[in-house]
Amino acid sequence: MIKLLDKLPSEECPKLIHRVVDGVCGRSGPRRTDYGERWSLAEWVELMNTLSSLIRFAVGRGCSDQEIQELLSDLDTARAEAVLQCVRSRFDEIRHALVDRTNAISSTQLQDFNWQLKLALSSDKLSALNTPLLNLSLDLKENGIQRSVNIEMNKEELQTLISALEAANKVVLQLK
């Protein structure tokens, strides 16, 4: 829902977009506390996921300015230009971060995985939603040190992860 960006004044948009890029590059991303009055928690998560996915997609696919503008067609000109300028100016940095992250993932050995489907039952309202969640447990071995990672995702988060992994795979294939 990139249209949620309309709640932010256009002059503040570049700062937010650059912070999102910082997050994509593995640094500190934007904090909700700085923007909490503009978006609800659900809107904030949706906007951050949408922006970071769009940035990863545009850089991973090597999209032209015109293709990026088409992806941003729901936004007004000022906000779309802010996103485009940020992606254009930090393209190499973003690409480098995506490649590094992909290399880190590929160099980590996945020994075992356990897919479990659960229902969120922590309250009456949540149990009525019948929201399926994926609980992914990974045993990773990095530099001889074994550690466990547990990730819980809903359907949209899983789709975002799959899209990000597919985009990262395409970047790696392009570099070979």
N, C-alpha and C. Protein backbone atom coordinates (compact mmCIF):
# COMPACT_ATOMS: atom_id res chain seq x y z
N MET A 1 0.83 -1.19 0.00
CA MET A 1 0.00 0.00 0.00
C MET A 1 0.87 1.25 0.00
N ILE A 2 1.51 1.50 -1.09
CA ILE A 2 2.40 2.66 -1.20
C ILE A 2 1.63 3.96 -1.06
N LYS A 3 0.34 3.91 -1.29
CA LYS A 3 -0.51 5.11 -1.20
C LYS A 3 -0.51 5.68 0.23
N LEU A 4 -0.15 4.85 1.22
CA LEU A 4 -0.06 5.33 2.60
C LEU A 4 0.99 6.42 2.75
N LEU A 5 1.91 6.50 1.81
CA LEU A 5 2.95 7.53 1.85
C LEU A 5 2.35 8.93 1.71
N ASP A 6 1.12 9.00 1.21
CA ASP A 6 0.44 10.30 1.06
C ASP A 6 0.18 10.98 2.41
N LYS A 7 0.19 10.22 3.49
CA LYS A 7 -0.03 10.81 4.82
C LYS A 7 1.16 11.63 5.29
N LEU A 8 2.29 11.50 4.62
CA LEU A 8 3.50 12.22 4.99
C LEU A 8 3.66 13.43 4.07
N PRO A 9 3.93 14.61 4.63
CA PRO A 9 4.16 15.77 3.76
C PRO A 9 5.29 15.48 2.77
N SER A 10 5.14 15.94 1.55
CA SER A 10 6.10 15.60 0.49
C SER A 10 7.51 16.05 0.81
N GLU A 11 7.68 17.14 1.58
CA GLU A 11 9.03 17.60 1.91
C GLU A 11 9.73 16.68 2.91
N GLU A 12 8.97 15.86 3.66
CA GLU A 12 9.55 14.91 4.60
C GLU A 12 9.79 13.53 3.98
N CYS A 13 9.28 13.34 2.79
CA CYS A 13 9.35 12.03 2.13
C CYS A 13 10.79 11.57 1.86
N PRO A 14 11.68 12.42 1.33
CA PRO A 14 13.05 11.93 1.07
C PRO A 14 13.74 11.38 2.32
N LYS A 15 13.55 12.03 3.46
CA LYS A 15 14.19 11.57 4.69
C LYS A 15 13.71 10.16 5.04
N LEU A 16 12.40 9.92 4.96
CA LEU A 16 11.86 8.60 5.27
C LEU A 16 12.38 7.56 4.28
N ILE A 17 12.39 7.88 3.01
CA ILE A 17 12.84 6.93 2.00
C ILE A 17 14.31 6.56 2.22
N HIS A 18 15.14 7.56 2.53
CA HIS A 18 16.55 7.27 2.79
C HIS A 18 16.71 6.38 4.03
N ARG A 19 15.86 6.57 5.03
CA ARG A 19 15.92 5.71 6.22
C ARG A 19 15.49 4.29 5.88
N VAL A 20 14.50 4.15 5.00
CA VAL A 20 14.08 2.81 4.56
C VAL A 20 15.24 2.14 3.83
N VAL A 21 15.93 2.89 2.97
CA VAL A 21 17.09 2.34 2.26
C VAL A 21 18.17 1.94 3.26
N ASP A 22 18.37 2.76 4.30
CA ASP A 22 19.32 2.38 5.34
C ASP A 22 18.96 1.02 5.92
N GLY A 23 17.67 0.80 6.19
CA GLY A 23 17.22 -0.49 6.72
C GLY A 23 17.46 -1.62 5.74
N VAL A 24 17.20 -1.39 4.45
CA VAL A 24 17.45 -2.40 3.43
C VAL A 24 18.94 -2.75 3.37
N CYS A 25 19.77 -1.74 3.63
CA CYS A 25 21.23 -1.93 3.57
C CYS A 25 21.80 -2.48 4.88
N GLY A 26 20.94 -2.81 5.84
CA GLY A 26 21.40 -3.43 7.08
C GLY A 26 21.72 -2.47 8.19
N ARG A 27 21.44 -1.19 7.99
CA ARG A 27 21.65 -0.21 9.06
C ARG A 27 20.31 0.08 9.72
N SER A 28 20.30 1.05 10.59
CA SER A 28 19.09 1.40 11.32
C SER A 28 18.07 2.05 10.37
N GLY A 29 16.91 1.44 10.29
CA GLY A 29 15.84 1.97 9.45
C GLY A 29 15.02 3.01 10.20
N PRO A 30 13.92 3.44 9.60
CA PRO A 30 13.07 4.44 10.25
C PRO A 30 12.42 3.86 11.51
N ARG A 31 12.21 4.71 12.50
CA ARG A 31 11.55 4.28 13.73
C ARG A 31 10.10 4.72 13.71
N ARG A 32 9.25 3.82 14.10
CA ARG A 32 7.82 4.14 14.10
C ARG A 32 7.51 5.27 15.06
N THR A 33 8.28 5.38 16.13
CA THR A 33 8.01 6.44 17.12
C THR A 33 8.16 7.83 16.50
N ASP A 34 8.98 7.94 15.45
CA ASP A 34 9.14 9.22 14.77
C ASP A 34 7.95 9.57 13.88
N TYR A 35 7.15 8.56 13.54
CA TYR A 35 6.03 8.76 12.62
C TYR A 35 4.71 8.19 13.15
N GLY A 36 4.67 7.81 14.43
CA GLY A 36 3.53 7.11 15.00
C GLY A 36 2.20 7.80 14.88
N GLU A 37 2.22 9.12 14.88
CA GLU A 37 0.94 9.84 14.82
C GLU A 37 0.35 9.83 13.41
N ARG A 38 1.14 9.49 12.41
CA ARG A 38 0.66 9.52 11.02
C ARG A 38 -0.01 8.21 10.61
N TRP A 39 0.56 7.09 11.09
CA TRP A 39 0.08 5.78 10.66
C TRP A 39 -0.18 4.90 11.87
N SER A 40 -1.16 4.03 11.74
CA SER A 40 -1.38 3.01 12.77
C SER A 40 -0.25 1.99 12.64
N LEU A 41 -0.15 1.10 13.61
CA LEU A 41 0.90 0.09 13.56
C LEU A 41 0.77 -0.77 12.30
N ALA A 42 -0.44 -1.19 11.99
CA ALA A 42 -0.66 -2.03 10.80
C ALA A 42 -0.28 -1.27 9.53
N GLU A 43 -0.66 -0.01 9.46
CA GLU A 43 -0.30 0.81 8.29
C GLU A 43 1.21 0.98 8.18
N TRP A 44 1.86 1.22 9.33
CA TRP A 44 3.31 1.41 9.35
C TRP A 44 4.03 0.16 8.83
N VAL A 45 3.64 -1.01 9.33
CA VAL A 45 4.26 -2.26 8.91
C VAL A 45 4.03 -2.47 7.41
N GLU A 46 2.82 -2.23 6.96
CA GLU A 46 2.48 -2.40 5.55
C GLU A 46 3.30 -1.45 4.68
N LEU A 47 3.41 -0.20 5.09
CA LEU A 47 4.17 0.79 4.32
C LEU A 47 5.64 0.42 4.28
N MET A 48 6.22 0.04 5.42
CA MET A 48 7.65 -0.32 5.44
C MET A 48 7.93 -1.56 4.59
N ASN A 49 7.05 -2.56 4.67
CA ASN A 49 7.21 -3.76 3.85
C ASN A 49 7.10 -3.43 2.37
N THR A 50 6.12 -2.59 2.03
CA THR A 50 5.92 -2.22 0.63
C THR A 50 7.10 -1.44 0.09
N LEU A 51 7.56 -0.44 0.84
CA LEU A 51 8.69 0.38 0.38
C LEU A 51 9.97 -0.45 0.25
N SER A 52 10.27 -1.25 1.27
CA SER A 52 11.52 -2.04 1.20
C SER A 52 11.43 -3.09 0.10
N SER A 53 10.28 -3.70 -0.10
CA SER A 53 10.12 -4.67 -1.19
C SER A 53 10.26 -4.00 -2.55
N LEU A 54 9.67 -2.83 -2.69
CA LEU A 54 9.77 -2.09 -3.95
C LEU A 54 11.22 -1.72 -4.24
N ILE A 55 11.94 -1.26 -3.24
CA ILE A 55 13.34 -0.88 -3.42
C ILE A 55 14.17 -2.09 -3.78
N ARG A 56 13.98 -3.19 -3.08
CA ARG A 56 14.73 -4.42 -3.39
C ARG A 56 14.41 -4.91 -4.80
N PHE A 57 13.15 -4.86 -5.15
CA PHE A 57 12.72 -5.31 -6.47
C PHE A 57 13.34 -4.45 -7.56
N ALA A 58 13.24 -3.13 -7.40
CA ALA A 58 13.76 -2.21 -8.42
C ALA A 58 15.26 -2.37 -8.61
N VAL A 59 15.99 -2.51 -7.53
CA VAL A 59 17.44 -2.65 -7.63
C VAL A 59 17.81 -4.07 -8.08
N GLY A 60 17.14 -5.07 -7.54
CA GLY A 60 17.43 -6.45 -7.91
C GLY A 60 17.19 -6.73 -9.38
N ARG A 61 16.17 -6.12 -9.93
CA ARG A 61 15.86 -6.29 -11.35
C ARG A 61 16.58 -5.28 -12.23
N GLY A 62 17.22 -4.30 -11.62
CA GLY A 62 17.90 -3.26 -12.41
C GLY A 62 16.91 -2.43 -13.21
N CYS A 63 15.79 -2.09 -12.59
CA CYS A 63 14.73 -1.35 -13.28
C CYS A 63 15.21 0.02 -13.74
N SER A 64 14.72 0.44 -14.87
CA SER A 64 15.00 1.78 -15.38
C SER A 64 14.15 2.79 -14.61
N ASP A 65 14.46 4.07 -14.78
CA ASP A 65 13.67 5.12 -14.12
C ASP A 65 12.20 5.02 -14.50
N GLN A 66 11.94 4.74 -15.77
CA GLN A 66 10.56 4.63 -16.24
C GLN A 66 9.84 3.46 -15.56
N GLU A 67 10.53 2.34 -15.43
CA GLU A 67 9.91 1.18 -14.77
C GLU A 67 9.63 1.47 -13.31
N ILE A 68 10.53 2.17 -12.64
CA ILE A 68 10.31 2.53 -11.24
C ILE A 68 9.12 3.48 -11.14
N GLN A 69 9.04 4.43 -12.05
CA GLN A 69 7.91 5.36 -12.04
C GLN A 69 6.59 4.63 -12.25
N GLU A 70 6.59 3.60 -13.07
CA GLU A 70 5.38 2.80 -13.26
C GLU A 70 4.99 2.08 -11.97
N LEU A 71 5.99 1.60 -11.23
CA LEU A 71 5.72 0.96 -9.95
C LEU A 71 5.13 1.96 -8.95
N LEU A 72 5.46 3.22 -9.12
CA LEU A 72 5.03 4.28 -8.20
C LEU A 72 3.85 5.07 -8.75
N SER A 73 3.13 4.52 -9.70
CA SER A 73 2.06 5.27 -10.38
C SER A 73 0.93 5.70 -9.44
N ASP A 74 0.79 5.05 -8.29
CA ASP A 74 -0.26 5.43 -7.34
C ASP A 74 0.08 6.69 -6.55
N LEU A 75 1.35 7.10 -6.59
CA LEU A 75 1.80 8.27 -5.82
C LEU A 75 1.75 9.53 -6.66
N ASP A 76 1.65 10.67 -5.95
CA ASP A 76 1.74 11.94 -6.66
C ASP A 76 3.18 12.14 -7.13
N THR A 77 3.39 13.11 -7.99
CA THR A 77 4.69 13.32 -8.62
C THR A 77 5.81 13.58 -7.63
N ALA A 78 5.57 14.42 -6.62
CA ALA A 78 6.62 14.78 -5.67
C ALA A 78 7.11 13.57 -4.88
N ARG A 79 6.19 12.75 -4.40
CA ARG A 79 6.58 11.58 -3.62
C ARG A 79 7.23 10.51 -4.50
N ALA A 80 6.70 10.31 -5.70
CA ALA A 80 7.30 9.34 -6.62
C ALA A 80 8.71 9.78 -7.00
N GLU A 81 8.91 11.07 -7.21
CA GLU A 81 10.24 11.59 -7.54
C GLU A 81 11.20 11.41 -6.37
N ALA A 82 10.72 11.57 -5.15
CA ALA A 82 11.56 11.37 -3.96
C ALA A 82 12.05 9.93 -3.89
N VAL A 83 11.17 8.98 -4.14
CA VAL A 83 11.55 7.56 -4.12
C VAL A 83 12.54 7.28 -5.25
N LEU A 84 12.23 7.78 -6.44
CA LEU A 84 13.09 7.55 -7.60
C LEU A 84 14.49 8.14 -7.38
N GLN A 85 14.55 9.35 -6.87
CA GLN A 85 15.85 9.99 -6.62
C GLN A 85 16.68 9.21 -5.61
N CYS A 86 16.03 8.73 -4.58
CA CYS A 86 16.73 7.97 -3.54
C CYS A 86 17.27 6.66 -4.11
N VAL A 87 16.43 5.94 -4.84
CA VAL A 87 16.86 4.67 -5.42
C VAL A 87 17.99 4.91 -6.43
N ARG A 88 17.85 5.95 -7.24
CA ARG A 88 18.87 6.26 -8.24
C ARG A 88 20.20 6.64 -7.57
N SER A 89 20.14 7.48 -6.55
CA SER A 89 21.37 7.96 -5.93
C SER A 89 22.07 6.89 -5.09
N ARG A 90 21.32 5.91 -4.60
CA ARG A 90 21.91 4.90 -3.74
C ARG A 90 21.85 3.49 -4.34
N PHE A 91 21.67 3.44 -5.66
CA PHE A 91 21.51 2.17 -6.36
C PHE A 91 22.65 1.20 -6.08
N ASP A 92 23.89 1.67 -6.25
CA ASP A 92 25.05 0.80 -6.05
C ASP A 92 25.16 0.31 -4.61
N GLU A 93 24.87 1.20 -3.67
CA GLU A 93 24.92 0.83 -2.25
C GLU A 93 23.88 -0.26 -1.94
N ILE A 94 22.67 -0.08 -2.47
CA ILE A 94 21.59 -1.05 -2.23
C ILE A 94 21.96 -2.39 -2.87
N ARG A 95 22.44 -2.35 -4.10
CA ARG A 95 22.80 -3.57 -4.82
C ARG A 95 23.91 -4.32 -4.06
N HIS A 96 24.89 -3.57 -3.61
CA HIS A 96 25.98 -4.18 -2.85
C HIS A 96 25.45 -4.86 -1.58
N ALA A 97 24.54 -4.19 -0.87
CA ALA A 97 23.98 -4.76 0.35
C ALA A 97 23.17 -6.02 0.05
N LEU A 98 22.40 -6.01 -1.05
CA LEU A 98 21.62 -7.19 -1.42
C LEU A 98 22.53 -8.36 -1.79
N VAL A 99 23.59 -8.07 -2.52
CA VAL A 99 24.53 -9.13 -2.90
C VAL A 99 25.23 -9.69 -1.67
N ASP A 100 25.67 -8.80 -0.76
CA ASP A 100 26.33 -9.26 0.46
C ASP A 100 25.40 -10.14 1.28
N ARG A 101 24.15 -9.72 1.40
CA ARG A 101 23.19 -10.50 2.18
C ARG A 101 22.94 -11.86 1.53
N THR A 102 22.86 -11.88 0.20
CA THR A 102 22.66 -13.14 -0.52
C THR A 102 23.86 -14.05 -0.34
N ASN A 103 25.06 -13.49 -0.41
CA ASN A 103 26.26 -14.29 -0.21
C ASN A 103 26.32 -14.84 1.21
N ALA A 104 25.91 -14.05 2.19
CA ALA A 104 25.90 -14.51 3.57
C ALA A 104 24.92 -15.66 3.75
N ILE A 105 23.77 -15.55 3.09
CA ILE A 105 22.77 -16.61 3.19
C ILE A 105 23.28 -17.87 2.51
N SER A 106 23.90 -17.72 1.32
CA SER A 106 24.35 -18.91 0.61
C SER A 106 25.55 -19.56 1.28
N SER A 107 26.36 -18.79 2.03
CA SER A 107 27.50 -19.39 2.70
C SER A 107 27.13 -20.03 4.03
N THR A 108 25.93 -19.75 4.51
CA THR A 108 25.43 -20.36 5.74
C THR A 108 24.82 -21.70 5.38
N GLN A 109 25.20 -22.72 6.08
CA GLN A 109 24.69 -24.05 5.77
C GLN A 109 23.40 -24.30 6.53
N LEU A 110 22.36 -24.65 5.79
CA LEU A 110 21.08 -24.98 6.38
C LEU A 110 21.06 -26.47 6.63
N GLN A 111 21.03 -26.86 7.91
CA GLN A 111 21.10 -28.28 8.25
C GLN A 111 19.73 -28.93 8.34
N ASP A 112 18.76 -28.21 8.90
CA ASP A 112 17.46 -28.82 9.11
C ASP A 112 16.41 -27.72 9.15
N PHE A 113 15.19 -28.02 8.80
CA PHE A 113 14.12 -27.07 8.95
C PHE A 113 12.85 -27.78 9.36
N ASN A 114 11.95 -27.02 9.97
CA ASN A 114 10.72 -27.59 10.51
C ASN A 114 9.59 -26.61 10.23
N TRP A 115 8.70 -26.96 9.31
CA TRP A 115 7.56 -26.11 8.99
C TRP A 115 6.40 -26.51 9.89
N GLN A 116 5.79 -25.52 10.54
CA GLN A 116 4.64 -25.80 11.37
C GLN A 116 3.57 -24.75 11.07
N LEU A 117 2.34 -25.17 10.95
CA LEU A 117 1.23 -24.25 10.76
C LEU A 117 0.49 -24.12 12.07
N LYS A 118 0.31 -22.87 12.54
CA LYS A 118 -0.37 -22.63 13.81
C LYS A 118 -1.48 -21.63 13.58
N LEU A 119 -2.40 -21.56 14.52
CA LEU A 119 -3.41 -20.52 14.53
C LEU A 119 -3.11 -19.58 15.68
N ALA A 120 -3.24 -18.28 15.42
CA ALA A 120 -3.01 -17.30 16.47
C ALA A 120 -4.21 -17.32 17.41
N LEU A 121 -3.98 -17.70 18.66
CA LEU A 121 -5.08 -17.85 19.61
C LEU A 121 -4.84 -17.04 20.88
N SER A 122 -4.11 -15.95 20.77
CA SER A 122 -3.75 -15.22 21.98
C SER A 122 -4.88 -14.36 22.54
N SER A 123 -5.93 -14.15 21.78
CA SER A 123 -7.07 -13.41 22.30
C SER A 123 -8.31 -13.84 21.53
N ASP A 124 -9.47 -13.44 22.05
CA ASP A 124 -10.72 -13.79 21.36
C ASP A 124 -10.76 -13.22 19.96
N LYS A 125 -10.32 -11.98 19.82
CA LYS A 125 -10.36 -11.34 18.50
C LYS A 125 -9.42 -12.04 17.52
N LEU A 126 -8.21 -12.36 17.96
CA LEU A 126 -7.26 -13.01 17.08
C LEU A 126 -7.71 -14.42 16.72
N SER A 127 -8.27 -15.14 17.68
CA SER A 127 -8.70 -16.50 17.38
C SER A 127 -9.87 -16.50 16.39
N ALA A 128 -10.67 -15.45 16.40
CA ALA A 128 -11.78 -15.35 15.46
C ALA A 128 -11.28 -15.08 14.04
N LEU A 129 -10.08 -14.53 13.91
CA LEU A 129 -9.53 -14.23 12.59
C LEU A 129 -9.06 -15.48 11.85
N ASN A 130 -8.75 -16.54 12.58
CA ASN A 130 -8.19 -17.75 11.99
C ASN A 130 -7.01 -17.44 11.09
N THR A 131 -6.06 -16.71 11.62
CA THR A 131 -4.89 -16.29 10.87
C THR A 131 -3.83 -17.39 10.89
N PRO A 132 -3.55 -17.98 9.72
CA PRO A 132 -2.48 -18.99 9.71
C PRO A 132 -1.11 -18.33 9.82
N LEU A 133 -0.27 -18.92 10.63
CA LEU A 133 1.09 -18.41 10.82
C LEU A 133 2.08 -19.53 10.51
N LEU A 134 3.18 -19.14 9.92
CA LEU A 134 4.25 -20.08 9.65
C LEU A 134 5.31 -19.90 10.72
N ASN A 135 5.68 -20.99 11.38
CA ASN A 135 6.76 -20.96 12.37
C ASN A 135 7.92 -21.73 11.76
N LEU A 136 8.93 -21.01 11.31
CA LEU A 136 10.08 -21.61 10.66
C LEU A 136 11.24 -21.65 11.64
N SER A 137 11.71 -22.85 11.93
CA SER A 137 12.85 -23.04 12.84
C SER A 137 14.05 -23.48 12.02
N LEU A 138 15.11 -22.70 12.08
CA LEU A 138 16.32 -23.00 11.32
C LEU A 138 17.48 -23.26 12.26
N ASP A 139 18.24 -24.29 11.99
CA ASP A 139 19.50 -24.54 12.69
C ASP A 139 20.60 -24.13 11.73
N LEU A 140 21.27 -23.02 12.02
CA LEU A 140 22.29 -22.47 11.14
C LEU A 140 23.67 -22.73 11.70
N LYS A 141 24.61 -22.90 10.79
CA LYS A 141 25.99 -23.07 11.20
C LYS A 141 26.81 -22.03 10.44
N GLU A 142 27.36 -21.06 11.17
CA GLU A 142 28.17 -20.00 10.59
C GLU A 142 29.53 -20.02 11.25
N ASN A 143 30.57 -20.10 10.43
CA ASN A 143 31.94 -20.09 10.94
C ASN A 143 32.14 -21.11 12.06
N GLY A 144 31.53 -22.27 11.91
CA GLY A 144 31.69 -23.33 12.89
C GLY A 144 30.83 -23.20 14.12
N ILE A 145 30.04 -22.14 14.23
CA ILE A 145 29.18 -21.93 15.39
C ILE A 145 27.74 -22.21 14.98
N GLN A 146 27.10 -23.10 15.72
CA GLN A 146 25.72 -23.46 15.42
C GLN A 146 24.77 -22.63 16.28
N ARG A 147 23.70 -22.14 15.64
CA ARG A 147 22.69 -21.38 16.37
C ARG A 147 21.32 -21.67 15.77
N SER A 148 20.29 -21.49 16.58
CA SER A 148 18.92 -21.70 16.13
C SER A 148 18.25 -20.36 15.90
N VAL A 149 17.46 -20.30 14.84
CA VAL A 149 16.70 -19.10 14.52
C VAL A 149 15.25 -19.51 14.34
N ASN A 150 14.34 -18.86 15.06
CA ASN A 150 12.92 -19.11 14.93
C ASN A 150 12.25 -17.88 14.35
N ILE A 151 11.46 -18.09 13.29
CA ILE A 151 10.79 -16.99 12.61
C ILE A 151 9.31 -17.34 12.52
N GLU A 152 8.47 -16.39 12.91
CA GLU A 152 7.03 -16.58 12.78
C GLU A 152 6.52 -15.55 11.79
N MET A 153 5.82 -16.00 10.75
CA MET A 153 5.35 -15.11 9.69
C MET A 153 3.91 -15.41 9.34
N ASN A 154 3.20 -14.36 8.96
CA ASN A 154 1.87 -14.58 8.40
C ASN A 154 2.02 -14.76 6.89
N LYS A 155 0.93 -14.93 6.19
CA LYS A 155 0.98 -15.24 4.76
C LYS A 155 1.65 -14.12 3.97
N GLU A 156 1.35 -12.87 4.30
CA GLU A 156 1.93 -11.74 3.57
C GLU A 156 3.44 -11.64 3.83
N GLU A 157 3.85 -11.84 5.07
CA GLU A 157 5.28 -11.80 5.39
C GLU A 157 6.03 -12.92 4.69
N LEU A 158 5.40 -14.10 4.62
CA LEU A 158 6.01 -15.23 3.91
C LEU A 158 6.17 -14.90 2.43
N GLN A 159 5.15 -14.30 1.85
CA GLN A 159 5.23 -13.93 0.43
C GLN A 159 6.32 -12.89 0.21
N THR A 160 6.46 -11.94 1.15
CA THR A 160 7.52 -10.93 1.05
C THR A 160 8.89 -11.59 1.13
N LEU A 161 9.05 -12.54 2.05
CA LEU A 161 10.31 -13.27 2.17
C LEU A 161 10.63 -14.03 0.89
N ILE A 162 9.64 -14.72 0.35
CA ILE A 162 9.85 -15.48 -0.88
C ILE A 162 10.24 -14.54 -2.01
N SER A 163 9.56 -13.41 -2.13
CA SER A 163 9.88 -12.44 -3.17
C SER A 163 11.29 -11.89 -3.00
N ALA A 164 11.67 -11.60 -1.77
CA ALA A 164 13.01 -11.07 -1.51
C ALA A 164 14.07 -12.11 -1.85
N LEU A 165 13.82 -13.38 -1.50
CA LEU A 165 14.77 -14.43 -1.82
C LEU A 165 14.87 -14.67 -3.32
N GLU A 166 13.73 -14.59 -4.02
CA GLU A 166 13.75 -14.74 -5.47
C GLU A 166 14.53 -13.59 -6.11
N ALA A 167 14.31 -12.37 -5.63
CA ALA A 167 15.03 -11.22 -6.16
C ALA A 167 16.52 -11.33 -5.88
N ALA A 168 16.88 -11.79 -4.70
CA ALA A 168 18.29 -11.97 -4.36
C ALA A 168 18.91 -13.05 -5.23
N ASN A 169 18.17 -14.11 -5.48
CA ASN A 169 18.68 -15.17 -6.35
C ASN A 169 18.92 -14.64 -7.76
N LYS A 170 18.02 -13.81 -8.27
CA LYS A 170 18.20 -13.25 -9.61
C LYS A 170 19.42 -12.35 -9.67
N VAL A 171 19.66 -11.59 -8.60
CA VAL A 171 20.85 -10.73 -8.56
C VAL A 171 22.10 -11.59 -8.60
N VAL A 172 22.12 -12.66 -7.82
CA VAL A 172 23.28 -13.55 -7.80
C VAL A 172 23.49 -14.17 -9.17
N LEU A 173 22.40 -14.61 -9.81
CA LEU A 173 22.52 -15.21 -11.15
C LEU A 173 23.03 -14.20 -12.17
N GLN A 174 22.64 -12.93 -12.03
CA GLN A 174 23.10 -11.90 -12.96
C GLN A 174 24.59 -11.62 -12.78
N LEU A 175 25.08 -11.78 -11.56
CA LEU A 175 26.48 -11.49 -11.28
C LEU A 175 27.40 -12.61 -11.71
N LYS A 176 26.86 -13.80 -11.94
CA LYS A 176 27.70 -14.94 -12.34
C LYS A 176 28.09 -14.85 -13.79
